[in-house]
């Protein structure tokens, strides 16, 4: 099964050490997930600025002059910071939707890892220590973050199959367990127009939360609904700028073996 680590710093003097501490925690969980690893870092909240983290299998080609092309299309200032296969586009928060649209036009093969005021998501195939070193996670600062080490069970070991998954602006999700109804739920969500890229069951869980929130649910309400709508045994942790939500469930197809085990909790940061 996969490994999950998370850290929220109450002492501001420790914020420059957030990445270093999370890296050490991630490496400690290697035995729980040696296939791939990822991390979401929440930096300082600058009200007027936003960021979009992107990934490419061909960064040398896809990241070249990308900031200039997007700035020309959108008419907004854009800066680009490259980290291996990932890059962060710094933009005005109000321009995030326009930049996302422009990305699809000029670089359709580039994948968006996250978007928001503070969040950056980095994830790749490989041992946790190698993934953390690849993106210099130990040098990153911030207020809180969550990491995941994956042991693949139901789908291929790929970058897009790694966690965390983005579920909306400044939101992310990690998962430990297995969803038994992800194929039927994936088909349903796609019919509703929800974009799902992989065959990974966790992405279906993330897409489900996104869909419920698009319908007007809060993140907490969406997680409450997941306890009824997601089959299998699972632990989900979903984070944003102000809240940490965790839920666990053992539903329907697993009831006879594990019993009906459901709970949800939250922490306001």
Protein backbone atom coordinates (compact mmCIF):
# COMPACT_ATOMS: atom_id res chain seq x y z
CA UNK A 1 0.00 0.00 0.00
CA UNK A 2 1.03 3.60 -0.54
CA UNK A 3 2.57 6.00 1.95
CA UNK A 4 1.28 9.46 2.90
CA UNK A 5 3.13 12.20 4.78
CA UNK A 6 2.02 15.69 5.68
CA UNK A 7 3.26 18.64 7.68
CA UNK A 8 1.74 21.94 8.81
CA UNK A 9 4.11 24.43 10.44
CA UNK A 10 2.78 26.58 13.25
CA UNK A 11 6.20 28.19 13.78
CA UNK A 12 6.90 30.65 10.94
CA UNK A 13 10.64 30.47 11.61
CA UNK A 14 10.58 26.86 10.36
CA UNK A 15 8.95 27.67 7.01
CA UNK A 16 12.30 27.77 5.12
CA UNK A 17 12.84 24.16 6.29
CA UNK A 18 9.49 22.78 5.14
CA UNK A 19 10.86 21.17 1.98
CA UNK A 20 13.78 19.58 3.80
CA UNK A 21 11.55 18.07 6.47
CA UNK A 22 9.01 16.80 3.95
CA UNK A 23 11.79 15.27 1.84
CA UNK A 24 13.07 13.32 4.84
CA UNK A 25 9.55 12.16 5.67
CA UNK A 26 8.95 11.10 2.08
CA UNK A 27 12.14 9.05 1.92
CA UNK A 28 11.21 7.32 5.19
CA UNK A 29 8.06 6.02 3.45
CA UNK A 30 9.97 4.43 0.55
CA UNK A 31 9.07 0.88 1.58
CA UNK A 32 5.41 1.82 1.33
CA UNK A 33 5.74 3.10 -2.24
CA UNK A 34 8.92 2.70 -4.32
CA UNK A 35 7.26 3.13 -7.75
CA UNK A 36 6.79 6.90 -7.85
CA UNK A 37 6.47 9.88 -5.55
CA UNK A 38 5.06 13.36 -5.43
CA UNK A 39 4.69 16.37 -3.22
CA UNK A 40 2.47 19.43 -2.92
CA UNK A 41 4.01 22.51 -1.34
CA UNK A 42 2.00 25.52 -0.17
CA UNK A 43 4.16 28.63 -0.24
CA UNK A 44 3.50 32.07 1.17
CA UNK A 45 0.17 33.57 0.14
CA UNK A 46 0.75 36.58 -2.11
CA UNK A 47 -2.69 37.95 -2.88
CA UNK A 48 -1.98 39.43 -6.31
CA UNK A 49 0.05 36.56 -7.74
CA UNK A 50 -0.84 33.06 -8.87
CA UNK A 51 1.03 30.08 -10.21
CA UNK A 52 0.45 27.14 -12.52
CA UNK A 53 2.70 24.10 -12.23
CA UNK A 54 3.09 22.18 -15.49
CA UNK A 55 4.82 18.96 -16.63
CA UNK A 56 6.22 17.78 -19.96
CA UNK A 57 7.89 14.60 -21.19
CA UNK A 58 9.85 16.85 -23.57
CA UNK A 59 10.66 19.94 -21.48
CA UNK A 60 13.49 21.26 -23.67
CA UNK A 61 11.07 21.71 -26.55
CA UNK A 62 7.83 22.48 -24.76
CA UNK A 63 9.15 25.01 -22.23
CA UNK A 64 11.19 27.01 -24.73
CA UNK A 65 9.73 30.54 -25.11
CA UNK A 66 6.50 29.32 -23.49
CA UNK A 67 6.20 32.34 -21.19
CA UNK A 68 6.58 34.77 -24.10
CA UNK A 69 4.00 32.95 -26.24
CA UNK A 70 1.42 32.85 -23.46
CA UNK A 71 2.04 36.48 -22.54
CA UNK A 72 1.47 37.50 -26.16
CA UNK A 73 -1.82 35.58 -26.35
CA UNK A 74 -3.22 36.65 -22.99
CA UNK A 75 -1.75 40.15 -22.74
CA UNK A 76 -0.64 39.45 -19.18
CA UNK A 77 2.88 39.22 -17.70
CA UNK A 78 4.10 35.61 -17.39
CA UNK A 79 7.37 34.31 -16.00
CA UNK A 80 8.65 30.73 -16.17
CA UNK A 81 10.78 28.78 -13.68
CA UNK A 82 11.92 25.36 -14.90
CA UNK A 83 12.59 22.41 -12.59
CA UNK A 84 13.53 19.32 -14.60
CA UNK A 85 10.35 17.97 -16.24
CA UNK A 86 8.20 20.53 -14.41
CA UNK A 87 7.92 24.30 -14.57
CA UNK A 88 6.04 26.98 -12.68
CA UNK A 89 4.30 29.80 -14.52
CA UNK A 90 3.98 32.90 -12.32
CA UNK A 91 0.94 34.93 -13.38
CA UNK A 92 -1.65 37.26 -11.93
CA UNK A 93 -4.27 35.26 -10.06
CA UNK A 94 -7.07 36.74 -12.16
CA UNK A 95 -5.28 35.56 -15.32
CA UNK A 96 -5.12 31.85 -14.39
CA UNK A 97 -8.17 30.81 -16.50
CA UNK A 98 -6.85 32.67 -19.57
CA UNK A 99 -3.38 31.16 -19.15
CA UNK A 100 -4.81 27.65 -18.81
CA UNK A 101 -6.74 28.17 -22.05
CA UNK A 102 -3.67 29.49 -23.84
CA UNK A 103 -1.63 26.49 -22.67
CA UNK A 104 -4.05 24.12 -24.38
CA UNK A 105 -3.70 26.09 -27.60
CA UNK A 106 0.08 26.44 -27.81
CA UNK A 107 1.27 23.31 -25.92
CA UNK A 108 -1.53 20.69 -25.93
CA UNK A 109 0.85 17.95 -24.71
CA UNK A 110 1.84 19.89 -21.57
CA UNK A 111 0.00 18.71 -18.45
CA UNK A 112 -1.18 20.97 -15.66
CA UNK A 113 -0.18 19.63 -12.26
CA UNK A 114 -1.77 22.38 -10.16
CA UNK A 115 -2.97 25.97 -10.16
CA UNK A 116 -3.74 28.54 -7.50
CA UNK A 117 -2.25 31.22 -5.29
CA UNK A 118 0.26 29.11 -3.37
CA UNK A 119 0.32 25.45 -4.43
CA UNK A 120 3.04 23.74 -6.45
CA UNK A 121 2.87 20.01 -7.26
CA UNK A 122 5.86 17.94 -8.37
CA UNK A 123 5.65 14.22 -9.12
CA UNK A 124 7.52 11.64 -11.15
CA UNK A 125 8.30 7.94 -11.48
CA UNK A 126 11.18 6.73 -9.34
CA UNK A 127 12.31 6.26 -5.76
CA UNK A 128 11.16 9.00 -3.37
CA UNK A 129 14.75 10.10 -2.69
CA UNK A 130 15.39 10.53 -6.41
CA UNK A 131 12.16 12.41 -7.02
CA UNK A 132 12.81 14.76 -4.10
CA UNK A 133 16.37 15.41 -5.33
CA UNK A 134 15.24 15.93 -8.93
CA UNK A 135 13.05 18.87 -7.95
CA UNK A 136 15.22 20.25 -5.12
CA UNK A 137 12.31 19.81 -2.73
CA UNK A 138 14.62 20.21 0.26
CA UNK A 139 15.25 23.84 -0.76
CA UNK A 140 11.57 24.78 -0.92
CA UNK A 141 9.85 26.83 1.76
CA UNK A 142 6.23 27.19 2.73
CA UNK A 143 3.56 26.84 5.37
CA UNK A 144 2.40 23.27 4.78
CA UNK A 145 2.68 20.37 2.36
CA UNK A 146 1.76 16.78 1.67
CA UNK A 147 3.68 13.97 0.01
CA UNK A 148 2.89 10.52 -1.36
CA UNK A 149 4.86 7.39 -2.23
CA UNK A 150 3.06 5.04 -4.58
CA UNK A 151 2.94 1.26 -4.78
CA UNK A 152 0.90 0.70 -7.93
CA UNK A 153 -1.82 -1.93 -7.77
CA UNK A 154 -4.48 -1.30 -10.40
CA UNK A 155 -2.83 0.84 -13.10
CA UNK A 156 0.48 1.58 -14.80
CA UNK A 157 3.42 3.31 -13.14
CA UNK A 158 3.44 6.71 -14.88
CA UNK A 159 3.98 10.34 -14.01
CA UNK A 160 0.28 11.06 -14.32
CA UNK A 161 -0.54 8.07 -12.13
CA UNK A 162 1.56 9.47 -9.30
CA UNK A 163 0.03 11.53 -6.47
CA UNK A 164 -0.91 14.21 -5.45
CA UNK A 165 -3.75 14.96 -7.86
CA UNK A 166 -5.11 18.47 -8.25
CA UNK A 167 -8.82 18.86 -7.48
CA UNK A 168 -9.18 22.61 -8.04
CA UNK A 169 -7.38 25.88 -7.35
CA UNK A 170 -5.01 25.40 -4.41
CA UNK A 171 -6.46 21.95 -3.74
CA UNK A 172 -4.88 18.53 -3.93
CA UNK A 173 -5.62 14.94 -3.00
CA UNK A 174 -3.66 11.83 -2.07
CA UNK A 175 -5.07 8.34 -1.62
CA UNK A 176 -4.15 5.05 -0.02
CA UNK A 177 -6.30 2.04 -0.84
CA UNK A 178 -8.29 0.78 -3.79
CA UNK A 179 -11.55 1.91 -5.39
CA UNK A 180 -13.56 -0.96 -6.84
CA UNK A 181 -16.09 1.12 -8.80
CA UNK A 182 -13.65 3.52 -10.50
CA UNK A 183 -14.38 2.25 -14.02
CA UNK A 184 -18.13 2.88 -13.85
CA UNK A 185 -17.63 6.19 -12.04
CA UNK A 186 -15.05 7.28 -14.65
CA UNK A 187 -17.56 6.66 -17.44
CA UNK A 188 -20.22 8.61 -15.57
CA UNK A 189 -17.97 11.59 -14.88
CA UNK A 190 -16.77 11.70 -18.48
CA UNK A 191 -20.39 11.82 -19.65
CA UNK A 192 -20.77 14.85 -17.39
CA UNK A 193 -17.84 16.52 -19.15
CA UNK A 194 -15.21 15.95 -16.46
CA UNK A 195 -11.71 15.52 -17.92
CA UNK A 196 -9.96 12.34 -16.72
CA UNK A 197 -6.64 11.51 -18.34
CA UNK A 198 -5.54 8.17 -16.87
CA UNK A 199 -6.95 4.80 -15.82
CA UNK A 200 -5.82 5.46 -12.25
CA UNK A 201 -8.51 4.97 -9.61
CA UNK A 202 -7.23 7.90 -7.53
CA UNK A 203 -7.70 10.32 -10.41
CA UNK A 204 -11.32 9.23 -10.49
CA UNK A 205 -11.60 10.07 -6.80
CA UNK A 206 -10.05 13.48 -7.42
CA UNK A 207 -12.33 14.09 -10.43
CA UNK A 208 -15.33 13.10 -8.32
CA UNK A 209 -14.51 15.77 -5.73
CA UNK A 210 -13.99 18.36 -8.47
CA UNK A 211 -17.36 17.48 -9.98
CA UNK A 212 -19.20 17.67 -6.65
CA UNK A 213 -17.66 21.08 -5.92
CA UNK A 214 -18.63 22.30 -9.40
CA UNK A 215 -22.19 21.34 -8.44
CA UNK A 216 -22.00 23.60 -5.38
CA UNK A 217 -20.68 21.31 -2.62
CA UNK A 218 -17.94 22.43 -0.29
CA UNK A 219 -14.84 20.24 -0.10
CA UNK A 220 -16.09 18.81 3.18
CA UNK A 221 -19.51 18.04 1.71
CA UNK A 222 -17.90 16.40 -1.33
CA UNK A 223 -15.83 14.15 0.94
CA UNK A 224 -18.94 13.27 2.94
CA UNK A 225 -20.64 12.22 -0.30
CA UNK A 226 -17.62 10.15 -1.29
CA UNK A 227 -18.25 7.83 1.64
CA UNK A 228 -21.46 6.75 -0.09
CA UNK A 229 -20.42 6.98 -3.74
CA UNK A 230 -16.91 5.46 -3.69
CA UNK A 231 -16.73 1.69 -3.30
CA UNK A 232 -13.72 -0.09 -1.86
CA UNK A 233 -11.42 0.58 1.04
CA UNK A 234 -9.66 3.92 1.07
CA UNK A 235 -8.04 6.71 2.99
CA UNK A 236 -8.17 10.11 1.30
CA UNK A 237 -6.50 13.32 2.40
CA UNK A 238 -7.43 16.53 0.59
CA UNK A 239 -5.68 19.82 1.32
CA UNK A 240 -6.07 23.47 0.37
CA UNK A 241 -4.76 26.80 1.67
CA UNK A 242 -6.91 26.82 4.78
CA UNK A 243 -8.09 23.26 5.47
CA UNK A 244 -6.86 19.70 5.82
CA UNK A 245 -9.58 17.11 5.27
CA UNK A 246 -9.19 13.37 5.79
CA UNK A 247 -11.68 10.58 5.32
CA UNK A 248 -11.62 6.81 5.30
CA UNK A 249 -14.20 4.35 4.10
CA UNK A 250 -14.84 0.66 3.59
CA UNK A 251 -17.99 0.37 1.52
CA UNK A 252 -20.29 -2.15 -0.08
CA UNK A 253 -18.08 -4.66 -1.90
CA UNK A 254 -15.64 -4.67 1.01
CA UNK A 255 -18.18 -4.67 3.83
CA UNK A 256 -18.27 -8.43 4.36
CA UNK A 257 -14.49 -8.59 4.77
CA UNK A 258 -13.61 -5.40 6.60
CA UNK A 259 -16.87 -4.24 8.13
CA UNK A 260 -18.40 -0.84 7.47
CA UNK A 261 -15.75 1.61 8.59
CA UNK A 262 -16.37 5.28 7.82
CA UNK A 263 -15.04 8.49 9.30
CA UNK A 264 -14.15 12.05 8.32
CA UNK A 265 -12.22 14.81 10.08
CA UNK A 266 -10.91 18.27 9.31
CA UNK A 267 -8.35 20.78 10.58
CA UNK A 268 -8.54 24.51 9.87
CA UNK A 269 -5.08 25.99 9.37
